[in-house]
N, C-alpha and C. Protein backbone atom coordinates (compact mmCIF):
# COMPACT_ATOMS: atom_id res chain seq x y z
N UNK A 1 63.72 -71.32 -58.85
CA UNK A 1 64.52 -72.40 -58.07
C UNK A 1 64.87 -73.08 -59.30
N UNK A 2 66.26 -73.47 -59.17
CA UNK A 2 66.86 -74.40 -60.19
C UNK A 2 66.36 -75.66 -60.08
N UNK A 3 66.28 -76.36 -61.26
CA UNK A 3 65.94 -77.83 -61.33
C UNK A 3 67.22 -78.43 -62.00
N UNK A 4 67.10 -79.70 -62.22
CA UNK A 4 68.06 -80.49 -63.03
C UNK A 4 67.87 -80.19 -64.43
N UNK A 5 66.83 -79.69 -64.91
CA UNK A 5 66.54 -79.55 -66.45
C UNK A 5 66.44 -77.98 -66.74
N UNK A 6 66.58 -77.27 -65.75
CA UNK A 6 66.67 -75.74 -65.87
C UNK A 6 65.30 -75.15 -66.20
N UNK A 7 65.16 -73.82 -66.60
CA UNK A 7 63.93 -73.39 -66.72
C UNK A 7 63.60 -73.37 -68.44
N UNK A 8 64.71 -73.60 -68.90
CA UNK A 8 64.55 -73.88 -70.57
C UNK A 8 65.63 -74.83 -70.92
N UNK A 9 65.24 -75.77 -71.47
CA UNK A 9 66.18 -76.82 -71.95
C UNK A 9 65.68 -77.47 -73.17
N UNK A 10 66.72 -78.24 -73.77
CA UNK A 10 66.35 -79.14 -74.92
C UNK A 10 67.25 -80.35 -74.96
N UNK A 11 66.60 -81.50 -75.21
CA UNK A 11 67.30 -82.72 -75.48
C UNK A 11 67.30 -83.04 -76.81
N UNK A 12 68.38 -83.53 -77.51
CA UNK A 12 68.44 -84.04 -78.72
C UNK A 12 68.86 -85.50 -78.90
N UNK A 13 68.06 -86.36 -79.64
CA UNK A 13 68.51 -87.68 -79.81
C UNK A 13 69.01 -87.92 -81.22
N UNK A 14 70.37 -88.48 -81.27
CA UNK A 14 70.91 -88.51 -82.57
C UNK A 14 70.99 -90.15 -82.70
N UNK A 15 70.54 -90.41 -84.00
CA UNK A 15 70.70 -91.81 -84.41
C UNK A 15 71.68 -92.03 -85.67
N UNK A 16 72.71 -92.85 -85.52
CA UNK A 16 73.55 -93.00 -86.66
C UNK A 16 73.05 -94.24 -87.46
N UNK A 17 72.55 -94.01 -88.64
CA UNK A 17 71.97 -95.35 -89.45
C UNK A 17 72.66 -95.45 -90.71
N UNK A 18 74.08 -94.96 -90.56
CA UNK A 18 75.10 -95.13 -91.62
C UNK A 18 75.85 -96.47 -91.38
N UNK A 19 76.61 -97.07 -92.32
CA UNK A 19 77.43 -98.17 -92.24
C UNK A 19 78.81 -97.73 -91.71
N UNK A 20 79.00 -96.45 -91.00
CA UNK A 20 80.10 -96.12 -90.54
C UNK A 20 80.15 -95.56 -89.13
N UNK A 21 81.24 -95.57 -88.36
CA UNK A 21 81.32 -94.89 -87.00
C UNK A 21 81.63 -93.38 -87.13
N UNK A 22 81.15 -92.71 -86.18
CA UNK A 22 81.53 -91.15 -86.16
C UNK A 22 82.19 -91.13 -84.92
N UNK A 23 82.72 -89.73 -84.87
CA UNK A 23 83.43 -89.33 -83.63
C UNK A 23 83.01 -87.81 -83.48
N UNK A 24 82.65 -87.60 -82.15
CA UNK A 24 81.97 -86.20 -81.71
C UNK A 24 83.20 -85.17 -81.78
N UNK A 25 82.94 -84.23 -82.46
CA UNK A 25 83.91 -82.99 -82.63
C UNK A 25 83.35 -81.90 -82.15
N UNK A 26 84.07 -81.04 -81.41
CA UNK A 26 83.74 -79.68 -81.27
C UNK A 26 82.23 -79.28 -80.47
N UNK A 27 81.96 -80.11 -79.37
CA UNK A 27 80.77 -79.78 -78.72
C UNK A 27 80.96 -78.47 -78.24
N UNK A 28 80.07 -77.56 -78.33
CA UNK A 28 80.03 -76.23 -77.84
C UNK A 28 78.71 -75.88 -77.36
N UNK A 29 78.53 -75.07 -76.28
CA UNK A 29 77.47 -74.41 -75.75
C UNK A 29 77.41 -72.91 -76.61
N UNK A 30 76.04 -72.66 -76.73
CA UNK A 30 75.94 -71.23 -77.15
C UNK A 30 75.04 -70.44 -76.25
N UNK A 31 75.44 -69.49 -75.94
CA UNK A 31 74.55 -68.66 -74.97
C UNK A 31 75.37 -68.43 -73.62
N UNK A 32 75.21 -67.45 -72.96
CA UNK A 32 76.14 -67.11 -71.74
C UNK A 32 75.79 -67.88 -70.45
N UNK A 33 74.51 -68.48 -70.55
CA UNK A 33 74.06 -69.25 -69.31
C UNK A 33 73.71 -70.63 -69.55
N UNK A 34 74.01 -71.09 -70.65
CA UNK A 34 73.78 -72.52 -71.10
C UNK A 34 74.83 -73.37 -70.41
N UNK A 35 74.25 -74.66 -69.82
CA UNK A 35 75.00 -75.57 -69.36
C UNK A 35 74.56 -76.88 -69.84
N UNK A 36 75.34 -77.95 -69.91
CA UNK A 36 75.06 -79.29 -70.28
C UNK A 36 74.37 -79.79 -69.24
N UNK A 37 73.22 -80.70 -69.54
CA UNK A 37 72.38 -81.41 -68.54
C UNK A 37 73.26 -82.53 -68.02
N UNK A 38 73.46 -83.04 -66.67
CA UNK A 38 74.30 -83.90 -66.24
C UNK A 38 73.97 -85.44 -66.87
N UNK A 39 75.00 -85.91 -67.33
CA UNK A 39 75.06 -87.11 -68.01
C UNK A 39 74.37 -87.13 -69.52
N UNK A 40 74.36 -85.94 -70.02
CA UNK A 40 73.78 -85.57 -71.52
C UNK A 40 74.63 -84.78 -72.16
N UNK A 41 75.96 -84.60 -71.74
CA UNK A 41 76.98 -83.79 -72.30
C UNK A 41 77.66 -84.60 -73.38
N UNK A 42 77.94 -84.11 -74.62
CA UNK A 42 78.85 -84.90 -75.63
C UNK A 42 80.17 -84.57 -75.28
N UNK A 43 81.13 -85.47 -75.52
CA UNK A 43 82.48 -85.38 -75.18
C UNK A 43 83.23 -85.40 -76.58
N UNK A 44 84.22 -84.47 -76.59
CA UNK A 44 85.25 -84.46 -77.68
C UNK A 44 85.86 -85.74 -77.81
N UNK A 45 85.78 -86.33 -79.04
CA UNK A 45 86.24 -87.76 -79.31
C UNK A 45 85.27 -88.92 -78.92
N UNK A 46 84.32 -88.71 -78.40
CA UNK A 46 83.52 -89.79 -78.06
C UNK A 46 82.96 -90.31 -79.42
N UNK A 47 82.77 -91.70 -79.42
CA UNK A 47 82.36 -92.27 -80.65
C UNK A 47 80.76 -92.38 -80.65
N UNK A 48 80.33 -92.40 -81.74
CA UNK A 48 78.81 -92.73 -82.17
C UNK A 48 78.96 -93.80 -83.20
N UNK A 49 78.73 -95.02 -82.66
CA UNK A 49 78.87 -96.20 -83.48
C UNK A 49 77.77 -96.46 -84.36
N UNK A 50 78.04 -97.20 -85.40
CA UNK A 50 77.22 -97.48 -86.62
C UNK A 50 75.98 -98.15 -85.89
N UNK A 51 74.70 -97.57 -86.27
CA UNK A 51 73.34 -98.24 -85.75
C UNK A 51 73.19 -98.02 -84.23
N UNK A 52 73.84 -96.95 -83.65
CA UNK A 52 73.65 -96.59 -82.24
C UNK A 52 73.20 -95.15 -82.21
N UNK A 53 72.92 -94.60 -80.85
CA UNK A 53 72.30 -93.33 -80.74
C UNK A 53 72.92 -92.72 -79.44
N UNK A 54 72.61 -91.53 -79.45
CA UNK A 54 73.20 -90.70 -78.18
C UNK A 54 72.02 -89.63 -77.91
N UNK A 55 72.10 -89.29 -76.79
CA UNK A 55 71.17 -88.16 -76.15
C UNK A 55 72.11 -87.02 -75.58
N UNK A 56 72.00 -85.91 -76.12
CA UNK A 56 72.63 -84.77 -75.76
C UNK A 56 71.55 -83.60 -75.22
N UNK A 57 71.89 -82.94 -74.22
CA UNK A 57 70.99 -81.85 -73.75
C UNK A 57 71.52 -80.85 -72.92
N UNK A 58 70.96 -79.63 -72.97
CA UNK A 58 71.58 -78.52 -72.31
C UNK A 58 70.39 -77.66 -71.73
N UNK A 59 70.74 -76.80 -70.87
CA UNK A 59 69.65 -75.94 -70.15
C UNK A 59 70.33 -74.70 -69.68
N UNK A 60 69.14 -73.78 -69.31
CA UNK A 60 69.53 -72.50 -68.67
C UNK A 60 68.52 -72.28 -67.54
N UNK A 61 69.05 -71.65 -66.59
CA UNK A 61 68.22 -71.26 -65.61
C UNK A 61 67.76 -69.74 -65.80
N UNK A 62 68.14 -68.93 -66.71
CA UNK A 62 67.91 -67.57 -67.03
C UNK A 62 66.61 -67.54 -67.89
N UNK A 63 65.55 -66.97 -67.37
CA UNK A 63 64.31 -66.95 -68.07
C UNK A 63 64.50 -65.97 -69.26
N UNK A 64 65.27 -65.14 -69.25
CA UNK A 64 65.63 -64.13 -70.15
C UNK A 64 66.67 -64.37 -71.35
N UNK A 65 67.13 -65.58 -71.33
CA UNK A 65 68.07 -66.17 -72.23
C UNK A 65 67.75 -67.45 -72.99
N UNK A 66 68.42 -67.34 -74.31
CA UNK A 66 68.19 -68.60 -75.00
C UNK A 66 69.34 -69.75 -74.51
N UNK A 67 69.17 -70.85 -74.79
CA UNK A 67 70.17 -71.93 -74.63
C UNK A 67 70.37 -72.56 -75.83
N UNK A 68 71.46 -73.00 -76.09
CA UNK A 68 71.94 -73.64 -77.50
C UNK A 68 73.13 -74.40 -77.47
N UNK A 69 73.25 -75.23 -78.39
CA UNK A 69 74.60 -76.10 -78.54
C UNK A 69 74.81 -76.52 -79.71
N UNK A 70 76.01 -76.92 -80.10
CA UNK A 70 76.28 -77.53 -81.50
C UNK A 70 77.35 -78.65 -81.18
N UNK A 71 77.30 -79.56 -82.12
CA UNK A 71 78.23 -80.63 -82.15
C UNK A 71 78.49 -81.03 -83.51
N UNK A 72 79.73 -81.49 -84.03
CA UNK A 72 79.94 -82.10 -85.28
C UNK A 72 80.14 -83.46 -85.30
N UNK A 73 79.95 -84.13 -86.21
CA UNK A 73 80.17 -85.79 -86.31
C UNK A 73 81.13 -85.89 -87.35
N UNK A 74 82.25 -86.46 -87.15
CA UNK A 74 83.31 -86.66 -88.24
C UNK A 74 83.51 -88.22 -88.34
N UNK A 75 83.99 -88.60 -89.61
CA UNK A 75 84.36 -90.09 -89.83
C UNK A 75 83.61 -90.64 -91.12
N UNK A 76 82.78 -89.83 -91.62
CA UNK A 76 81.96 -90.45 -92.99
C UNK A 76 81.60 -89.12 -93.95
N UNK A 77 82.65 -88.89 -94.71
CA UNK A 77 82.40 -87.86 -95.45
C UNK A 77 82.85 -86.64 -94.80
N UNK A 78 82.27 -85.45 -95.17
CA UNK A 78 82.51 -84.16 -94.50
C UNK A 78 81.91 -84.25 -93.00
N UNK A 79 82.40 -83.52 -92.35
CA UNK A 79 81.87 -83.38 -90.90
C UNK A 79 80.52 -82.94 -90.98
N UNK A 80 79.71 -83.44 -90.05
CA UNK A 80 78.21 -83.29 -90.35
C UNK A 80 77.71 -82.32 -88.92
N UNK A 81 77.45 -81.16 -89.19
CA UNK A 81 77.19 -80.24 -88.14
C UNK A 81 75.66 -80.57 -87.53
N UNK A 82 75.42 -80.50 -86.33
CA UNK A 82 74.24 -80.46 -85.43
C UNK A 82 73.99 -79.52 -84.62
N UNK A 83 73.11 -78.59 -84.75
CA UNK A 83 72.82 -77.44 -83.98
C UNK A 83 71.62 -77.49 -83.38
N UNK A 84 71.40 -77.08 -82.19
CA UNK A 84 70.03 -77.02 -81.56
C UNK A 84 69.98 -76.02 -80.36
N UNK A 85 68.80 -75.38 -80.52
CA UNK A 85 68.44 -74.07 -79.76
C UNK A 85 67.11 -74.12 -79.10
N UNK A 86 67.00 -73.47 -78.04
CA UNK A 86 65.77 -72.97 -77.54
C UNK A 86 65.80 -71.71 -76.99
N UNK A 87 65.12 -70.87 -77.75
CA UNK A 87 65.15 -69.25 -77.68
C UNK A 87 64.43 -68.89 -76.50
N UNK A 88 64.53 -67.53 -76.21
CA UNK A 88 63.85 -67.04 -75.00
C UNK A 88 62.13 -67.01 -75.10
N UNK A 89 61.78 -67.13 -76.28
CA UNK A 89 60.37 -67.49 -76.50
C UNK A 89 59.91 -68.82 -76.38
N UNK A 90 61.06 -69.67 -76.15
CA UNK A 90 60.72 -71.18 -75.91
C UNK A 90 60.37 -71.98 -77.14
N UNK A 91 60.95 -71.37 -78.37
CA UNK A 91 60.76 -71.94 -79.46
C UNK A 91 62.14 -72.95 -79.83
N UNK A 92 61.91 -74.23 -80.07
CA UNK A 92 63.09 -74.99 -80.14
C UNK A 92 63.43 -75.25 -81.63
N UNK A 93 64.58 -75.48 -81.94
CA UNK A 93 64.92 -75.77 -83.38
C UNK A 93 66.24 -76.74 -83.26
N UNK A 94 66.15 -77.72 -84.25
CA UNK A 94 67.42 -78.50 -84.51
C UNK A 94 67.71 -78.67 -85.87
N UNK A 95 68.75 -78.41 -86.30
CA UNK A 95 69.26 -78.76 -87.87
C UNK A 95 70.33 -79.87 -87.85
N UNK A 96 70.06 -80.64 -88.77
CA UNK A 96 71.07 -81.65 -89.02
C UNK A 96 71.13 -81.92 -90.46
N UNK A 97 72.00 -80.86 -91.36
CA UNK A 97 71.86 -81.03 -92.67
C UNK A 97 72.79 -81.89 -93.33
N UNK A 98 72.56 -82.38 -94.48
CA UNK A 98 73.56 -83.12 -95.25
C UNK A 98 73.51 -84.59 -95.26
N UNK A 99 72.64 -85.26 -94.50
CA UNK A 99 72.62 -86.63 -94.41
C UNK A 99 71.19 -87.14 -94.24
N UNK A 100 70.84 -88.09 -95.03
CA UNK A 100 69.58 -88.79 -94.68
C UNK A 100 69.70 -89.90 -93.91
N UNK A 101 71.05 -90.43 -93.53
CA UNK A 101 71.29 -91.52 -92.65
C UNK A 101 71.62 -91.09 -91.19
N UNK A 102 71.70 -89.97 -90.93
CA UNK A 102 71.82 -89.61 -89.59
C UNK A 102 70.56 -88.63 -89.22
N UNK A 103 69.82 -89.05 -88.20
CA UNK A 103 68.74 -88.22 -87.86
C UNK A 103 68.92 -87.64 -86.41
N UNK A 104 68.45 -86.46 -86.26
CA UNK A 104 68.56 -85.76 -84.93
C UNK A 104 67.14 -85.36 -84.72
N UNK A 105 66.58 -85.80 -83.49
CA UNK A 105 65.07 -85.11 -83.22
C UNK A 105 65.08 -84.76 -81.93
N UNK A 106 64.37 -83.68 -81.50
CA UNK A 106 64.29 -83.26 -80.17
C UNK A 106 63.30 -83.77 -79.46
N UNK A 107 63.57 -83.79 -78.05
CA UNK A 107 62.59 -84.41 -77.14
C UNK A 107 62.20 -83.43 -76.19
């Protein structure tokens, strides 16, 4: 039975602790059955302002599939990629390389 968070999901909180504003670029789902959780989908061009945070989440209702997503933050040096995944063994990962001022953690 489907739920609002799926059978496999991940939520990522991203905090911008830089002295600059970011813009969301290229939000993308990974996996054939992944979908954004309602009200937790990143939007192309959406700002992530200085000292603010955002929560993004996705899910799948397919027990045999992984769910994943990626977002890049642009506006302060090179674009900063953030990828997050929950595999079919229910192992979650999140990567946010290249910045000590932006943190992403899973919920």
